[in-house]
Protein backbone atom coordinates (compact mmCIF):
# COMPACT_ATOMS: atom_id res chain seq x y z
CA MET A 1 0.96 0.50 26.41
CA LYS A 2 3.85 -0.78 24.30
CA LYS A 3 3.14 -4.36 25.41
CA LEU A 4 -0.50 -3.95 24.35
CA LEU A 5 0.51 -2.68 20.93
CA GLU A 6 3.03 -5.48 20.48
CA ALA A 7 0.32 -8.00 21.35
CA GLU A 8 -2.06 -6.37 18.88
CA LEU A 9 0.56 -6.44 16.11
CA LYS A 10 1.30 -10.12 16.83
CA ARG A 11 -2.44 -10.83 16.65
CA VAL A 12 -2.84 -9.26 13.20
CA GLN A 13 0.42 -10.79 11.91
CA GLN A 14 -1.15 -14.23 12.18
CA TYR A 15 -3.32 -13.22 9.20
CA ALA A 16 -0.26 -12.73 6.99
CA VAL A 17 -0.83 -13.61 3.35
CA ASP A 18 1.53 -14.00 0.44
CA VAL A 19 1.24 -10.95 -1.79
CA THR A 20 2.86 -10.46 -5.21
CA LEU A 21 2.59 -7.56 -7.65
CA ASP A 22 0.51 -7.84 -10.81
CA PRO A 23 2.51 -6.67 -13.85
CA ASP A 24 -0.72 -6.28 -15.87
CA THR A 25 -1.76 -3.40 -13.59
CA ALA A 26 1.66 -1.68 -13.34
CA HIS A 27 2.19 1.77 -14.80
CA PRO A 28 4.69 1.49 -17.72
CA ALA A 29 7.44 3.36 -15.81
CA LEU A 30 7.42 0.90 -12.91
CA ILE A 31 10.09 -1.77 -12.61
CA LEU A 32 8.92 -4.98 -10.92
CA SER A 33 11.32 -7.63 -9.66
CA ASP A 34 11.08 -11.12 -11.15
CA ASP A 35 9.58 -12.49 -7.96
CA GLY A 36 6.90 -9.77 -7.89
CA LYS A 37 7.97 -8.57 -4.43
CA GLN A 38 9.70 -5.27 -5.27
CA VAL A 39 8.73 -2.20 -7.26
CA ASN A 40 10.44 1.07 -8.03
CA CYS A 41 9.96 3.74 -10.65
CA GLY A 42 12.31 3.95 -13.62
CA ASP A 43 12.97 6.99 -15.81
CA VAL A 44 11.69 5.41 -18.98
CA GLU A 45 8.18 4.20 -19.77
CA LYS A 46 8.14 0.76 -21.30
CA ASN A 47 5.99 0.22 -24.35
CA LEU A 48 3.27 -1.94 -22.80
CA PRO A 49 -0.26 -2.70 -23.96
CA ASP A 50 -2.72 -0.23 -22.42
CA ASN A 51 -5.03 -2.93 -21.10
CA PRO A 52 -8.03 -1.89 -18.95
CA GLU A 53 -6.37 -3.02 -15.70
CA ARG A 54 -3.24 -0.88 -16.19
CA PHE A 55 -2.64 2.48 -14.51
CA ASP A 56 -1.68 4.85 -17.34
CA THR A 57 -0.88 8.15 -15.56
CA CYS A 58 -0.06 7.49 -11.90
CA PRO A 59 2.89 5.20 -10.99
CA ASN A 60 0.70 2.63 -9.24
CA VAL A 61 0.43 -1.15 -9.17
CA LEU A 62 -1.97 -3.63 -7.54
CA ALA A 63 -1.32 -7.07 -6.14
CA LYS A 64 -2.34 -10.20 -8.04
CA GLN A 65 -4.19 -11.40 -4.95
CA SER A 66 -7.62 -10.06 -4.04
CA PHE A 67 -9.73 -10.57 -0.95
CA SER A 68 -13.49 -10.46 -0.57
CA SER A 69 -13.92 -11.80 2.96
CA GLY A 70 -12.07 -12.47 6.19
CA ARG A 71 -8.86 -10.85 7.38
CA PHE A 72 -5.50 -10.40 5.74
CA TYR A 73 -2.19 -8.74 6.57
CA TYR A 74 1.04 -7.96 4.71
CA GLU A 75 4.18 -5.89 5.28
CA VAL A 76 6.01 -3.49 3.01
CA GLN A 77 9.51 -2.12 3.48
CA VAL A 78 9.56 1.64 2.76
CA LYS A 79 13.09 2.30 4.02
CA GLY A 80 15.08 4.94 2.16
CA LYS A 81 12.06 6.41 0.37
CA THR A 82 11.01 10.07 0.42
CA LYS A 83 7.57 9.47 -1.05
CA TRP A 84 5.16 6.51 -1.33
CA ASP A 85 1.48 5.46 -1.16
CA LEU A 86 0.21 2.21 0.36
CA GLY A 87 -3.12 0.63 1.15
CA VAL A 88 -5.95 -1.27 -0.48
CA ALA A 89 -8.21 -0.49 -3.41
CA ARG A 90 -11.46 -2.00 -4.65
CA GLU A 91 -11.61 -3.76 -8.00
CA SER A 92 -13.73 -1.12 -9.77
CA ILE A 93 -11.35 1.83 -9.19
CA ASN A 94 -10.55 4.15 -12.07
CA ARG A 95 -7.05 3.33 -13.36
CA LYS A 96 -6.81 5.88 -16.16
CA GLY A 97 -5.80 9.53 -15.97
CA LYS A 98 -5.20 11.49 -12.78
CA ILE A 99 -6.36 9.57 -9.74
CA ILE A 100 -7.67 10.89 -6.45
CA THR A 101 -7.13 8.34 -3.71
CA SER A 102 -9.93 8.51 -1.16
CA PRO A 103 -12.43 6.03 0.31
CA GLN A 104 -15.17 7.57 -1.84
CA LYS A 105 -13.11 6.65 -4.90
CA GLY A 106 -12.40 3.14 -3.59
CA TYR A 107 -8.96 3.67 -2.04
CA TRP A 108 -8.00 3.29 1.62
CA THR A 109 -4.43 4.54 1.72
CA ILE A 110 -1.77 6.43 3.62
CA TRP A 111 1.09 8.29 2.02
CA LEU A 112 4.48 9.86 2.67
CA ARG A 113 5.51 13.13 1.00
CA ASN A 114 8.65 15.31 1.40
CA GLU A 115 10.46 12.65 3.46
CA ASN A 116 8.46 13.20 6.66
CA GLU A 117 4.89 14.31 5.90
CA TYR A 118 2.49 11.44 6.52
CA LYS A 119 -1.21 11.54 5.71
CA ALA A 120 -4.16 9.20 5.82
CA LEU A 121 -6.16 9.84 2.68
CA ALA A 122 -9.58 9.82 4.30
CA ASP A 123 -12.41 12.26 3.46
CA PRO A 124 -10.97 14.79 4.32
CA SER A 125 -7.34 13.70 4.64
CA VAL A 126 -5.73 13.48 8.08
CA SER A 127 -2.17 14.64 8.82
CA LEU A 128 -0.32 12.07 10.93
CA SER A 129 2.37 12.98 13.42
CA LEU A 130 4.54 9.91 13.91
CA LYS A 131 7.21 9.58 16.59
CA SER A 132 9.54 7.80 14.22
CA GLN A 133 9.70 7.23 10.49
CA PRO A 134 8.46 3.73 9.72
CA GLU A 135 10.88 1.56 7.75
CA LYS A 136 8.35 -1.24 7.45
CA VAL A 137 4.59 -0.72 7.27
CA GLY A 138 2.09 -3.46 8.10
CA VAL A 139 -1.35 -3.33 6.47
CA PHE A 140 -4.22 -5.23 8.10
CA VAL A 141 -7.74 -5.55 6.69
CA ASP A 142 -10.79 -7.04 8.34
CA TYR A 143 -13.29 -7.21 5.49
CA GLU A 144 -16.43 -7.88 7.53
CA GLU A 145 -15.52 -5.29 10.20
CA GLY A 146 -14.81 -2.65 7.55
CA LEU A 147 -11.37 -1.99 9.03
CA VAL A 148 -8.06 -1.05 7.38
CA SER A 149 -5.18 -0.50 9.82
CA PHE A 150 -1.58 0.56 9.19
CA TYR A 151 1.24 -0.29 11.59
CA ASP A 152 4.84 0.78 12.07
CA VAL A 153 6.14 -2.78 12.39
CA ASP A 154 9.49 -2.06 14.09
CA ALA A 155 7.95 0.31 16.64
CA ALA A 156 4.85 -1.95 17.03
CA ALA A 157 2.81 1.26 16.75
CA LEU A 158 -0.53 1.86 15.10
CA ILE A 159 -0.17 4.55 12.41
CA TYR A 160 -3.83 4.93 11.43
CA SER A 161 -7.09 2.98 11.08
CA PHE A 162 -9.94 3.48 8.65
CA THR A 163 -13.03 2.19 10.47
CA GLY A 164 -16.63 1.66 9.49
CA CYS A 165 -15.74 1.05 5.85
CA CYS A 166 -18.31 -0.68 3.70
CA PHE A 167 -16.66 -3.24 1.43
CA THR A 168 -18.84 -4.80 -1.26
CA GLU A 169 -16.29 -5.98 -3.83
CA LYS A 170 -12.84 -7.50 -4.07
CA LEU A 171 -10.02 -5.57 -2.39
CA PHE A 172 -6.50 -5.53 -3.81
CA PRO A 173 -3.34 -4.45 -1.99
CA PHE A 174 -2.27 -1.14 -3.60
CA PHE A 175 1.27 0.24 -3.99
CA SER A 176 2.85 3.37 -5.40
CA PRO A 177 6.61 3.84 -5.13
CA CYS A 178 6.02 7.32 -6.65
CA LEU A 179 8.44 8.94 -9.11
CA ASN A 180 12.12 8.55 -8.38
CA TYR A 181 12.99 12.27 -8.60
CA GLY A 182 16.41 11.83 -10.18
CA GLY A 183 17.32 9.03 -7.81
CA LYS A 184 16.23 10.72 -4.56
CA ASN A 185 13.31 8.31 -4.26
CA SER A 186 14.74 5.36 -6.16
CA ALA A 187 14.56 2.82 -3.31
CA PRO A 188 12.01 0.12 -4.04
CA LEU A 189 8.92 -0.77 -2.08
CA ILE A 190 9.53 -4.35 -0.94
CA ILE A 191 6.79 -6.74 0.15
CA THR A 192 8.53 -8.55 3.00
CA SER A 193 6.01 -10.76 4.72
CA GLY A 194 4.59 -13.94 3.39
CA THR A 195 2.79 -16.75 5.13
CA THR A 196 5.98 -17.76 6.94
CA ILE A 197 5.51 -15.57 10.04
């Protein structure tokens, strides 16, 4: 079984793309690294223009890159975090006010809460029981197949797949490092894989 999963992970890793964060979409409390590969939440909101692309209430950020066909894959280090959200979102999502992340609203995501509670935010959401806590999560999308899969990269295990999705517009990788809770959740989300795999 493990060999099969490792082979599957290797197969999707060949679709690795270079992903960087888009500062124009980042909530004002988020701190992005200069290379656009890391994001964590600060305690202070920066005074940034409230452009239409920017999340104004939830500590979220999208990638600069969007995809409207084919397959793509990227990896995100989540090590040391107690809370995060990851996945993909369509271009027309609502970015203002309180946001519900679900496929109906244009989000295909999983999250971590309270250090060890994992959920896939489907309709309705699905609690995930994982053998180990992923330190690196791989996200694979097959646009035509309507598939979004999440992998625990180190364990070569499938975490969850959204299947039968109907994509009709651009999809953007979506990240939320969540609030830092006085430093408890201050570790950054780090995009680790580029096209060099």
